[in-house]
Amino acid sequence: MYKFKGKEYPCCTSLTMGIIGGKWKTVILYHLIDGTLRYNELRKEVPMVTERTLSLQLKTLENDGIIKRKVYTSKPPLKVEYSLTDLGKTLIPLIHSVADWGNYAVENYSK
């Protein structure tokens, strides 16, 4: 049994998929690879996701320690930025592999 952030997983693969699995988490992480993005910039990068879903996925990734959220309150309007944590950066090779496989599948098997 694997324990991470108060949750138990039966194997290391289920832990990984529990953290980055689902329709949008890997997409969000992919867009954060190149650096910090504001909430609205993420919305533009992933226009198909609803605001509610994006907010929930960001919160989950933050709670798991994969991304960090920085809020600037010094002057209106409120500015919120998201970036990968050191733990999140360890996922970059995995995310690149997932993206590469997607490109390969489209190029070779999408007919």
PDB file of N, CA and C in Angstrom:
ATOM      1  N   MET A   1       0.838  -1.174   0.000  1.00  0.00           N
ATOM      2  CA  MET A   1       0.000   0.000   0.000  1.00  0.00           C
ATOM      3  C   MET A   1       0.891   1.249   0.000  1.00  0.00           C
ATOM      4  N   TYR A   2       0.521   2.224  -0.816  1.00  0.00           N
ATOM      5  CA  TYR A   2       1.261   3.481  -0.896  1.00  0.00           C
ATOM      6  C   TYR A   2       0.412   4.582  -0.286  1.00  0.00           C
ATOM      7  N   LYS A   3       1.032   5.434   0.527  1.00  0.00           N
ATOM      8  CA  LYS A   3       0.326   6.557   1.133  1.00  0.00           C
ATOM      9  C   LYS A   3       0.937   7.851   0.627  1.00  0.00           C
ATOM     10  N   PHE A   4       0.062   8.779   0.246  1.00  0.00           N
ATOM     11  CA  PHE A   4       0.503  10.087  -0.245  1.00  0.00           C
ATOM     12  C   PHE A   4      -0.544  11.118   0.116  1.00  0.00           C
ATOM     13  N   LYS A   5      -0.132  12.128   0.874  1.00  0.00           N
ATOM     14  CA  LYS A   5      -1.022  13.233   1.259  1.00  0.00           C
ATOM     15  C   LYS A   5      -2.314  12.739   1.894  1.00  0.00           C
ATOM     16  N   GLY A   6      -2.210  11.741   2.741  1.00  0.00           N
ATOM     17  CA  GLY A   6      -3.366  11.235   3.465  1.00  0.00           C
ATOM     18  C   GLY A   6      -4.251  10.261   2.709  1.00  0.00           C
ATOM     19  N   LYS A   7      -3.887   9.932   1.484  1.00  0.00           N
ATOM     20  CA  LYS A   7      -4.664   8.973   0.689  1.00  0.00           C
ATOM     21  C   LYS A   7      -3.847   7.701   0.514  1.00  0.00           C
ATOM     22  N   GLU A   8      -4.549   6.583   0.387  1.00  0.00           N
ATOM     23  CA  GLU A   8      -3.879   5.300   0.172  1.00  0.00           C
ATOM     24  C   GLU A   8      -4.125   4.812  -1.246  1.00  0.00           C
ATOM     25  N   TYR A   9      -3.087   4.221  -1.815  1.00  0.00           N
ATOM     26  CA  TYR A   9      -3.143   3.702  -3.180  1.00  0.00           C
ATOM     27  C   TYR A   9      -2.604   2.274  -3.173  1.00  0.00           C
ATOM     28  N   PRO A  10      -3.211   1.368  -3.957  1.00  0.00           N
ATOM     29  CA  PRO A  10      -2.774  -0.027  -3.958  1.00  0.00           C
ATOM     30  C   PRO A  10      -1.431  -0.265  -4.642  1.00  0.00           C
ATOM     31  N   CYS A  11      -1.034   0.638  -5.556  1.00  0.00           N
ATOM     32  CA  CYS A  11       0.253   0.484  -6.228  1.00  0.00           C
ATOM     33  C   CYS A  11       0.756   1.856  -6.685  1.00  0.00           C
ATOM     34  N   CYS A  12       1.998   1.885  -7.123  1.00  0.00           N
ATOM     35  CA  CYS A  12       2.596   3.156  -7.528  1.00  0.00           C
ATOM     36  C   CYS A  12       1.909   3.754  -8.760  1.00  0.00           C
ATOM     37  N   THR A  13       1.426   2.902  -9.649  1.00  0.00           N
ATOM     38  CA  THR A  13       0.731   3.397 -10.837  1.00  0.00           C
ATOM     39  C   THR A  13      -0.578   4.075 -10.456  1.00  0.00           C
ATOM     40  N   SER A  14      -1.307   3.498  -9.522  1.00  0.00           N
ATOM     41  CA  SER A  14      -2.574   4.118  -9.109  1.00  0.00           C
ATOM     42  C   SER A  14      -2.316   5.440  -8.393  1.00  0.00           C
ATOM     43  N   LEU A  15      -1.201   5.546  -7.687  1.00  0.00           N
ATOM     44  CA  LEU A  15      -0.842   6.817  -7.057  1.00  0.00           C
ATOM     45  C   LEU A  15      -0.612   7.880  -8.137  1.00  0.00           C
ATOM     46  N   THR A  16       0.205   7.543  -9.127  1.00  0.00           N
ATOM     47  CA  THR A  16       0.494   8.485 -10.207  1.00  0.00           C
ATOM     48  C   THR A  16      -0.783   8.908 -10.922  1.00  0.00           C
ATOM     49  N   MET A  17      -1.617   7.936 -11.285  1.00  0.00           N
ATOM     50  CA  MET A  17      -2.852   8.269 -12.004  1.00  0.00           C
ATOM     51  C   MET A  17      -3.849   8.997 -11.100  1.00  0.00           C
ATOM     52  N   GLY A  18      -3.803   8.735  -9.814  1.00  0.00           N
ATOM     53  CA  GLY A  18      -4.651   9.457  -8.885  1.00  0.00           C
ATOM     54  C   GLY A  18      -4.304  10.933  -8.829  1.00  0.00           C
ATOM     55  N   ILE A  19      -3.041  11.229  -9.042  1.00  0.00           N
ATOM     56  CA  ILE A  19      -2.599  12.620  -8.979  1.00  0.00           C
ATOM     57  C   ILE A  19      -2.748  13.330 -10.321  1.00  0.00           C
ATOM     58  N   ILE A  20      -2.383  12.684 -11.414  1.00  0.00           N
ATOM     59  CA  ILE A  20      -2.428  13.376 -12.715  1.00  0.00           C
ATOM     60  C   ILE A  20      -3.501  12.842 -13.646  1.00  0.00           C
ATOM     61  N   GLY A  21      -4.262  11.831 -13.205  1.00  0.00           N
ATOM     62  CA  GLY A  21      -5.269  11.229 -14.074  1.00  0.00           C
ATOM     63  C   GLY A  21      -6.479  12.133 -14.261  1.00  0.00           C
ATOM     64  N   GLY A  22      -7.314  11.748 -15.169  1.00  0.00           N
ATOM     65  CA  GLY A  22      -8.502  12.527 -15.480  1.00  0.00           C
ATOM     66  C   GLY A  22      -8.314  13.268 -16.785  1.00  0.00           C
ATOM     67  N   LYS A  23      -9.345  13.943 -17.176  1.00  0.00           N
ATOM     68  CA  LYS A  23      -9.362  14.573 -18.490  1.00  0.00           C
ATOM     69  C   LYS A  23      -8.503  15.836 -18.572  1.00  0.00           C
ATOM     70  N   TRP A  24      -8.377  16.595 -17.487  1.00  0.00           N
ATOM     71  CA  TRP A  24      -7.789  17.923 -17.591  1.00  0.00           C
ATOM     72  C   TRP A  24      -6.477  18.144 -16.849  1.00  0.00           C
ATOM     73  N   LYS A  25      -6.157  17.343 -15.848  1.00  0.00           N
ATOM     74  CA  LYS A  25      -4.964  17.621 -15.045  1.00  0.00           C
ATOM     75  C   LYS A  25      -3.690  17.620 -15.885  1.00  0.00           C
ATOM     76  N   THR A  26      -3.513  16.617 -16.719  1.00  0.00           N
ATOM     77  CA  THR A  26      -2.300  16.539 -17.529  1.00  0.00           C
ATOM     78  C   THR A  26      -2.253  17.684 -18.538  1.00  0.00           C
ATOM     79  N   VAL A  27      -3.404  18.079 -19.040  1.00  0.00           N
ATOM     80  CA  VAL A  27      -3.472  19.208 -19.979  1.00  0.00           C
ATOM     81  C   VAL A  27      -3.033  20.495 -19.276  1.00  0.00           C
ATOM     82  N   ILE A  28      -3.517  20.696 -18.070  1.00  0.00           N
ATOM     83  CA  ILE A  28      -3.127  21.875 -17.288  1.00  0.00           C
ATOM     84  C   ILE A  28      -1.617  21.855 -17.044  1.00  0.00           C
ATOM     85  N   LEU A  29      -1.109  20.716 -16.608  1.00  0.00           N
ATOM     86  CA  LEU A  29       0.327  20.606 -16.335  1.00  0.00           C
ATOM     87  C   LEU A  29       1.153  20.839 -17.592  1.00  0.00           C
ATOM     88  N   TYR A  30       0.689  20.333 -18.721  1.00  0.00           N
ATOM     89  CA  TYR A  30       1.380  20.528 -19.998  1.00  0.00           C
ATOM     90  C   TYR A  30       1.562  22.020 -20.287  1.00  0.00           C
ATOM     91  N   HIS A  31       0.521  22.800 -20.034  1.00  0.00           N
ATOM     92  CA  HIS A  31       0.586  24.237 -20.312  1.00  0.00           C
ATOM     93  C   HIS A  31       1.419  24.996 -19.288  1.00  0.00           C
ATOM     94  N   LEU A  32       1.651  24.408 -18.134  1.00  0.00           N
ATOM     95  CA  LEU A  32       2.486  25.063 -17.118  1.00  0.00           C
ATOM     96  C   LEU A  32       3.970  24.690 -17.229  1.00  0.00           C
ATOM     97  N   ILE A  33       4.306  23.791 -18.138  1.00  0.00           N
ATOM     98  CA  ILE A  33       5.704  23.369 -18.287  1.00  0.00           C
ATOM     99  C   ILE A  33       6.603  24.553 -18.614  1.00  0.00           C
ATOM    100  N   ASP A  34       6.153  25.438 -19.479  1.00  0.00           N
ATOM    101  CA  ASP A  34       7.001  26.550 -19.924  1.00  0.00           C
ATOM    102  C   ASP A  34       7.036  27.718 -18.946  1.00  0.00           C
ATOM    103  N   GLY A  35       6.259  27.637 -17.873  1.00  0.00           N
ATOM    104  CA  GLY A  35       6.324  28.708 -16.878  1.00  0.00           C
ATOM    105  C   GLY A  35       4.979  29.055 -16.283  1.00  0.00           C
ATOM    106  N   THR A  36       5.001  30.106 -15.510  1.00  0.00           N
ATOM    107  CA  THR A  36       3.837  30.577 -14.760  1.00  0.00           C
ATOM    108  C   THR A  36       2.771  31.120 -15.699  1.00  0.00           C
ATOM    109  N   LEU A  37       1.508  30.798 -15.379  1.00  0.00           N
ATOM    110  CA  LEU A  37       0.375  31.338 -16.127  1.00  0.00           C
ATOM    111  C   LEU A  37      -0.666  31.879 -15.155  1.00  0.00           C
ATOM    112  N   ARG A  38      -1.324  32.942 -15.551  1.00  0.00           N
ATOM    113  CA  ARG A  38      -2.448  33.453 -14.782  1.00  0.00           C
ATOM    114  C   ARG A  38      -3.668  32.603 -15.096  1.00  0.00           C
ATOM    115  N   TYR A  39      -4.663  32.677 -14.228  1.00  0.00           N
ATOM    116  CA  TYR A  39      -5.877  31.872 -14.394  1.00  0.00           C
ATOM    117  C   TYR A  39      -6.485  32.087 -15.781  1.00  0.00           C
ATOM    118  N   ASN A  40      -6.636  33.342 -16.184  1.00  0.00           N
ATOM    119  CA  ASN A  40      -7.255  33.621 -17.489  1.00  0.00           C
ATOM    120  C   ASN A  40      -6.408  33.121 -18.659  1.00  0.00           C
ATOM    121  N   GLU A  41      -5.101  33.108 -18.490  1.00  0.00           N
ATOM    122  CA  GLU A  41      -4.237  32.556 -19.538  1.00  0.00           C
ATOM    123  C   GLU A  41      -4.457  31.050 -19.665  1.00  0.00           C
ATOM    124  N   LEU A  42      -4.617  30.371 -18.535  1.00  0.00           N
ATOM    125  CA  LEU A  42      -4.934  28.944 -18.571  1.00  0.00           C
ATOM    126  C   LEU A  42      -6.281  28.708 -19.238  1.00  0.00           C
ATOM    127  N   ARG A  43      -7.258  29.548 -18.936  1.00  0.00           N
ATOM    128  CA  ARG A  43      -8.588  29.414 -19.557  1.00  0.00           C
ATOM    129  C   ARG A  43      -8.479  29.518 -21.073  1.00  0.00           C
ATOM    130  N   LYS A  44      -7.644  30.420 -21.568  1.00  0.00           N
ATOM    131  CA  LYS A  44      -7.468  30.583 -23.013  1.00  0.00           C
ATOM    132  C   LYS A  44      -6.750  29.383 -23.629  1.00  0.00           C
ATOM    133  N   GLU A  45      -5.816  28.797 -22.887  1.00  0.00           N
ATOM    134  CA  GLU A  45      -5.086  27.624 -23.385  1.00  0.00           C
ATOM    135  C   GLU A  45      -5.975  26.388 -23.457  1.00  0.00           C
ATOM    136  N   VAL A  46      -6.964  26.316 -22.576  1.00  0.00           N
ATOM    137  CA  VAL A  46      -7.841  25.151 -22.495  1.00  0.00           C
ATOM    138  C   VAL A  46      -9.299  25.628 -22.528  1.00  0.00           C
ATOM    139  N   PRO A  47      -9.752  26.144 -23.674  1.00  0.00           N
ATOM    140  CA  PRO A  47     -11.094  26.749 -23.728  1.00  0.00           C
ATOM    141  C   PRO A  47     -12.247  25.753 -23.578  1.00  0.00           C
ATOM    142  N   MET A  48     -11.983  24.462 -23.751  1.00  0.00           N
ATOM    143  CA  MET A  48     -13.056  23.472 -23.673  1.00  0.00           C
ATOM    144  C   MET A  48     -13.449  23.142 -22.234  1.00  0.00           C
ATOM    145  N   VAL A  49     -12.603  23.450 -21.261  1.00  0.00           N
ATOM    146  CA  VAL A  49     -12.886  23.127 -19.871  1.00  0.00           C
ATOM    147  C   VAL A  49     -13.768  24.225 -19.265  1.00  0.00           C
ATOM    148  N   THR A  50     -14.721  23.817 -18.439  1.00  0.00           N
ATOM    149  CA  THR A  50     -15.559  24.812 -17.773  1.00  0.00           C
ATOM    150  C   THR A  50     -14.760  25.491 -16.665  1.00  0.00           C
ATOM    151  N   GLU A  51     -15.187  26.678 -16.276  1.00  0.00           N
ATOM    152  CA  GLU A  51     -14.493  27.402 -15.207  1.00  0.00           C
ATOM    153  C   GLU A  51     -14.520  26.611 -13.911  1.00  0.00           C
ATOM    154  N   ARG A  52     -15.649  25.995 -13.613  1.00  0.00           N
ATOM    155  CA  ARG A  52     -15.774  25.209 -12.384  1.00  0.00           C
ATOM    156  C   ARG A  52     -14.790  24.041 -12.375  1.00  0.00           C
ATOM    157  N   THR A  53     -14.730  23.318 -13.490  1.00  0.00           N
ATOM    158  CA  THR A  53     -13.825  22.173 -13.576  1.00  0.00           C
ATOM    159  C   THR A  53     -12.373  22.622 -13.483  1.00  0.00           C
ATOM    160  N   LEU A  54     -12.019  23.694 -14.185  1.00  0.00           N
ATOM    161  CA  LEU A  54     -10.655  24.199 -14.126  1.00  0.00           C
ATOM    162  C   LEU A  54     -10.290  24.574 -12.692  1.00  0.00           C
ATOM    163  N   SER A  55     -11.170  25.278 -12.021  1.00  0.00           N
ATOM    164  CA  SER A  55     -10.911  25.676 -10.630  1.00  0.00           C
ATOM    165  C   SER A  55     -10.730  24.465  -9.721  1.00  0.00           C
ATOM    166  N   LEU A  56     -11.591  23.460  -9.878  1.00  0.00           N
ATOM    167  CA  LEU A  56     -11.487  22.256  -9.050  1.00  0.00           C
ATOM    168  C   LEU A  56     -10.196  21.488  -9.333  1.00  0.00           C
ATOM    169  N   GLN A  57      -9.827  21.376 -10.601  1.00  0.00           N
ATOM    170  CA  GLN A  57      -8.604  20.650 -10.956  1.00  0.00           C
ATOM    171  C   GLN A  57      -7.370  21.385 -10.442  1.00  0.00           C
ATOM    172  N   LEU A  58      -7.372  22.708 -10.548  1.00  0.00           N
ATOM    173  CA  LEU A  58      -6.255  23.497 -10.027  1.00  0.00           C
ATOM    174  C   LEU A  58      -6.137  23.328  -8.515  1.00  0.00           C
ATOM    175  N   LYS A  59      -7.264  23.341  -7.830  1.00  0.00           N
ATOM    176  CA  LYS A  59      -7.265  23.180  -6.379  1.00  0.00           C
ATOM    177  C   LYS A  59      -6.733  21.803  -5.983  1.00  0.00           C
ATOM    178  N   THR A  60      -7.151  20.768  -6.708  1.00  0.00           N
ATOM    179  CA  THR A  60      -6.683  19.412  -6.429  1.00  0.00           C
ATOM    180  C   THR A  60      -5.176  19.298  -6.659  1.00  0.00           C
ATOM    181  N   LEU A  61      -4.690  19.833  -7.769  1.00  0.00           N
ATOM    182  CA  LEU A  61      -3.258  19.793  -8.062  1.00  0.00           C
ATOM    183  C   LEU A  61      -2.459  20.583  -7.017  1.00  0.00           C
ATOM    184  N   GLU A  62      -3.031  21.668  -6.553  1.00  0.00           N
ATOM    185  CA  GLU A  62      -2.376  22.452  -5.504  1.00  0.00           C
ATOM    186  C   GLU A  62      -2.338  21.673  -4.191  1.00  0.00           C
ATOM    187  N   ASN A  63      -3.448  21.051  -3.829  1.00  0.00           N
ATOM    188  CA  ASN A  63      -3.501  20.261  -2.594  1.00  0.00           C
ATOM    189  C   ASN A  63      -2.536  19.081  -2.620  1.00  0.00           C
ATOM    190  N   ASP A  64      -2.299  18.532  -3.817  1.00  0.00           N
ATOM    191  CA  ASP A  64      -1.367  17.414  -3.963  1.00  0.00           C
ATOM    192  C   ASP A  64       0.088  17.876  -4.055  1.00  0.00           C
ATOM    193  N   GLY A  65       0.314  19.188  -4.052  1.00  0.00           N
ATOM    194  CA  GLY A  65       1.671  19.720  -4.080  1.00  0.00           C
ATOM    195  C   GLY A  65       2.316  19.733  -5.450  1.00  0.00           C
ATOM    196  N   ILE A  66       1.504  19.635  -6.502  1.00  0.00           N
ATOM    197  CA  ILE A  66       2.023  19.589  -7.868  1.00  0.00           C
ATOM    198  C   ILE A  66       2.158  20.991  -8.461  1.00  0.00           C
ATOM    199  N   ILE A  67       1.244  21.869  -8.122  1.00  0.00           N
ATOM    200  CA  ILE A  67       1.327  23.256  -8.573  1.00  0.00           C
ATOM    201  C   ILE A  67       1.248  24.170  -7.358  1.00  0.00           C
ATOM    202  N   LYS A  68       1.715  25.393  -7.558  1.00  0.00           N
ATOM    203  CA  LYS A  68       1.567  26.396  -6.508  1.00  0.00           C
ATOM    204  C   LYS A  68       0.752  27.559  -7.056  1.00  0.00           C
ATOM    205  N   ARG A  69       0.010  28.159  -6.155  1.00  0.00           N
ATOM    206  CA  ARG A  69      -0.885  29.266  -6.490  1.00  0.00           C
ATOM    207  C   ARG A  69      -0.382  30.484  -5.748  1.00  0.00           C
ATOM    208  N   LYS A  70      -0.166  31.555  -6.488  1.00  0.00           N
ATOM    209  CA  LYS A  70       0.281  32.794  -5.868  1.00  0.00           C
ATOM    210  C   LYS A  70      -0.756  33.873  -6.146  1.00  0.00           C
ATOM    211  N   VAL A  71      -1.215  34.509  -5.076  1.00  0.00           N
ATOM    212  CA  VAL A  71      -2.233  35.549  -5.185  1.00  0.00           C
ATOM    213  C   VAL A  71      -1.588  36.894  -4.906  1.00  0.00           C
ATOM    214  N   TYR A  72      -1.803  37.829  -5.812  1.00  0.00           N
ATOM    215  CA  TYR A  72      -1.323  39.198  -5.632  1.00  0.00           C
ATOM    216  C   TYR A  72      -2.522  40.060  -5.255  1.00  0.00           C
ATOM    217  N   THR A  73      -2.475  40.631  -4.057  1.00  0.00           N
ATOM    218  CA  THR A  73      -3.609  41.431  -3.578  1.00  0.00           C
ATOM    219  C   THR A  73      -3.242  42.894  -3.381  1.00  0.00           C
ATOM    220  N   SER A  74      -2.049  43.288  -3.825  1.00  0.00           N
ATOM    221  CA  SER A  74      -1.587  44.649  -3.557  1.00  0.00           C
ATOM    222  C   SER A  74      -2.465  45.718  -4.198  1.00  0.00           C
ATOM    223  N   LYS A  75      -3.007  45.430  -5.370  1.00  0.00           N
ATOM    224  CA  LYS A  75      -3.910  46.390  -6.006  1.00  0.00           C
ATOM    225  C   LYS A  75      -4.922  45.647  -6.863  1.00  0.00           C
ATOM    226  N   PRO A  76      -6.132  46.159  -6.921  1.00  0.00           N
ATOM    227  CA  PRO A  76      -7.144  45.511  -7.773  1.00  0.00           C
ATOM    228  C   PRO A  76      -6.764  45.653  -9.239  1.00  0.00           C
ATOM    229  N   PRO A  77      -7.170  44.765 -10.129  1.00  0.00           N
ATOM    230  CA  PRO A  77      -7.926  43.559  -9.817  1.00  0.00           C
ATOM    231  C   PRO A  77      -7.011  42.464  -9.257  1.00  0.00           C
ATOM    232  N   LEU A  78      -7.627  41.535  -8.569  1.00  0.00           N
ATOM    233  CA  LEU A  78      -6.910  40.411  -7.979  1.00  0.00           C
ATOM    234  C   LEU A  78      -6.200  39.625  -9.077  1.00  0.00           C
ATOM    235  N   LYS A  79      -4.953  39.283  -8.827  1.00  0.00           N
ATOM    236  CA  LYS A  79      -4.160  38.541  -9.810  1.00  0.00           C
ATOM    237  C   LYS A  79      -3.738  37.216  -9.180  1.00  0.00           C
ATOM    238  N   VAL A  80      -4.008  36.099  -9.880  1.00  0.00           N
ATOM    239  CA  VAL A  80      -3.645  34.772  -9.397  1.00  0.00           C
ATOM    240  C   VAL A  80      -2.793  34.088 -10.466  1.00  0.00           C
ATOM    241  N   GLU A  81      -1.645  33.562 -10.034  1.00  0.00           N
ATOM    242  CA  GLU A  81      -0.747  32.862 -10.945  1.00  0.00           C
ATOM    243  C   GLU A  81      -0.536  31.430 -10.478  1.00  0.00           C
ATOM    244  N   TYR A  82      -0.334  30.541 -11.447  1.00  0.00           N
ATOM    245  CA  TYR A  82      -0.088  29.128 -11.166  1.00  0.00           C
ATOM    246  C   TYR A  82       1.228  28.718 -11.807  1.00  0.00           C
ATOM    247  N   SER A  83       1.975  27.886 -11.100  1.00  0.00           N
ATOM    248  CA  SER A  83       3.232  27.359 -11.629  1.00  0.00           C
ATOM    249  C   SER A  83       3.480  25.987 -11.013  1.00  0.00           C
ATOM    250  N   LEU A  84       4.404  25.255 -11.619  1.00  0.00           N
ATOM    251  CA  LEU A  84       4.762  23.930 -11.113  1.00  0.00           C
ATOM    252  C   LEU A  84       5.644  24.067  -9.872  1.00  0.00           C
ATOM    253  N   THR A  85       5.413  23.214  -8.904  1.00  0.00           N
ATOM    254  CA  THR A  85       6.304  23.115  -7.751  1.00  0.00           C
ATOM    255  C   THR A  85       7.505  22.265  -8.159  1.00  0.00           C
ATOM    256  N   ASP A  86       8.460  22.111  -7.252  1.00  0.00           N
ATOM    257  CA  ASP A  86       9.593  21.221  -7.546  1.00  0.00           C
ATOM    258  C   ASP A  86       9.098  19.797  -7.789  1.00  0.00           C
ATOM    259  N   LEU A  87       8.125  19.350  -6.994  1.00  0.00           N
ATOM    260  CA  LEU A  87       7.541  18.024  -7.217  1.00  0.00           C
ATOM    261  C   LEU A  87       6.846  17.974  -8.570  1.00  0.00           C
ATOM    262  N   GLY A  88       6.112  19.006  -8.918  1.00  0.00           N
ATOM    263  CA  GLY A  88       5.431  19.061 -10.209  1.00  0.00           C
ATOM    264  C   GLY A  88       6.397  19.020 -11.375  1.00  0.00           C
ATOM    265  N   LYS A  89       7.555  19.647 -11.211  1.00  0.00           N
ATOM    266  CA  LYS A  89       8.558  19.656 -12.290  1.00  0.00           C
ATOM    267  C   LYS A  89       9.105  18.258 -12.561  1.00  0.00           C
ATOM    268  N   THR A  90       9.043  17.373 -11.565  1.00  0.00           N
ATOM    269  CA  THR A  90       9.513  15.993 -11.801  1.00  0.00           C
ATOM    270  C   THR A  90       8.589  15.251 -12.758  1.00  0.00           C
ATOM    271  N   LEU A  91       7.395  15.781 -12.987  1.00  0.00           N
ATOM    272  CA  LEU A  91       6.438  15.160 -13.917  1.00  0.00           C
ATOM    273  C   LEU A  91       6.671  15.571 -15.372  1.00  0.00           C
ATOM    274  N   ILE A  92       7.534  16.549 -15.615  1.00  0.00           N
ATOM    275  CA  ILE A  92       7.738  17.056 -16.975  1.00  0.00           C
ATOM    276  C   ILE A  92       8.105  15.949 -17.963  1.00  0.00           C
ATOM    277  N   PRO A  93       9.067  15.065 -17.665  1.00  0.00           N
ATOM    278  CA  PRO A  93       9.370  13.999 -18.633  1.00  0.00           C
ATOM    279  C   PRO A  93       8.162  13.097 -18.908  1.00  0.00           C
ATOM    280  N   LEU A  94       7.393  12.813 -17.887  1.00  0.00           N
ATOM    281  CA  LEU A  94       6.193  11.988 -18.058  1.00  0.00           C
ATOM    282  C   LEU A  94       5.167  12.693 -18.945  1.00  0.00           C
ATOM    283  N   ILE A  95       4.962  13.972 -18.716  1.00  0.00           N
ATOM    284  CA  ILE A  95       3.995  14.734 -19.516  1.00  0.00           C
ATOM    285  C   ILE A  95       4.464  14.833 -20.965  1.00  0.00           C
ATOM    286  N   HIS A  96       5.759  15.045 -21.156  1.00  0.00           N
ATOM    287  CA  HIS A  96       6.302  15.057 -22.525  1.00  0.00           C
ATOM    288  C   HIS A  96       6.089  13.706 -23.203  1.00  0.00           C
ATOM    289  N   SER A  97       6.276  12.621 -22.474  1.00  0.00           N
ATOM    290  CA  SER A  97       6.060  11.283 -23.044  1.00  0.00           C
ATOM    291  C   SER A  97       4.604  11.082 -23.441  1.00  0.00           C
ATOM    292  N   VAL A  98       3.683  11.534 -22.611  1.00  0.00           N
ATOM    293  CA  VAL A  98       2.256  11.429 -22.928  1.00  0.00           C
ATOM    294  C   VAL A  98       1.946  12.245 -24.187  1.00  0.00           C
ATOM    295  N   ALA A  99       2.488  13.458 -24.270  1.00  0.00           N
ATOM    296  CA  ALA A  99       2.258  14.304 -25.446  1.00  0.00           C
ATOM    297  C   ALA A  99       2.870  13.678 -26.698  1.00  0.00           C
ATOM    298  N   ASP A 100       4.074  13.141 -26.570  1.00  0.00           N
ATOM    299  CA  ASP A 100       4.732  12.496 -27.718  1.00  0.00           C
ATOM    300  C   ASP A 100       3.923  11.306 -28.218  1.00  0.00           C
ATOM    301  N   TRP A 101       3.379  10.510 -27.289  1.00  0.00           N
ATOM    302  CA  TRP A 101       2.570   9.368 -27.683  1.00  0.00           C
ATOM    303  C   TRP A 101       1.314   9.841 -28.409  1.00  0.00           C
ATOM    304  N   GLY A 102       0.705  10.916 -27.937  1.00  0.00           N
ATOM    305  CA  GLY A 102      -0.474  11.461 -28.612  1.00  0.00           C
ATOM    306  C   GLY A 102      -0.163  11.886 -30.033  1.00  0.00           C
ATOM    307  N   ASN A 103       0.966  12.559 -30.220  1.00  0.00           N
ATOM    308  CA  ASN A 103       1.387  12.951 -31.570  1.00  0.00           C
ATOM    309  C   ASN A 103       1.634  11.728 -32.445  1.00  0.00           C
ATOM    310  N   TYR A 104       2.295  10.720 -31.882  1.00  0.00           N
ATOM    311  CA  TYR A 104       2.564   9.490 -32.615  1.00  0.00           C
ATOM    312  C   TYR A 104       1.260   8.804 -33.039  1.00  0.00           C
ATOM    313  N   ALA A 105       0.305   8.712 -32.124  1.00  0.00           N
ATOM    314  CA  ALA A 105      -0.968   8.066 -32.427  1.00  0.00           C
ATOM    315  C   ALA A 105      -1.711   8.793 -33.540  1.00  0.00           C
ATOM    316  N   VAL A 106      -1.710  10.116 -33.490  1.00  0.00           N
ATOM    317  CA  VAL A 106      -2.398  10.906 -34.525  1.00  0.00           C
ATOM    318  C   VAL A 106      -1.711  10.719 -35.872  1.00  0.00           C
ATOM    319  N   GLU A 107      -0.386  10.784 -35.866  1.00  0.00           N
ATOM    320  CA  GLU A 107       0.354  10.670 -37.124  1.00  0.00           C
ATOM    321  C   GLU A 107       0.272   9.279 -37.751  1.00  0.00           C
ATOM    322  N   ASN A 108       0.157   8.229 -36.938  1.00  0.00           N
ATOM    323  CA  ASN A 108       0.261   6.879 -37.466  1.00  0.00           C
ATOM    324  C   ASN A 108      -1.023   6.053 -37.430  1.00  0.00           C
ATOM    325  N   TYR A 109      -1.996   6.444 -36.625  1.00  0.00           N
ATOM    326  CA  TYR A 109      -3.161   5.594 -36.457  1.00  0.00           C
ATOM    327  C   TYR A 109      -4.502   6.329 -36.518  1.00  0.00           C
ATOM    328  N   SER A 110      -4.517   7.561 -36.965  1.00  0.00           N
ATOM    329  CA  SER A 110      -5.763   8.322 -36.928  1.00  0.00           C
ATOM    330  C   SER A 110      -6.617   8.191 -38.180  1.00  0.00           C
ATOM    331  N   LYS A 111      -6.199   7.359 -39.118  1.00  0.00           N
ATOM    332  CA  LYS A 111      -6.952   7.231 -40.375  1.00  0.00           C
ATOM    333  C   LYS A 111      -8.182   6.412 -40.235  1.00  0.00           C
TER     334      LYS A 111
END
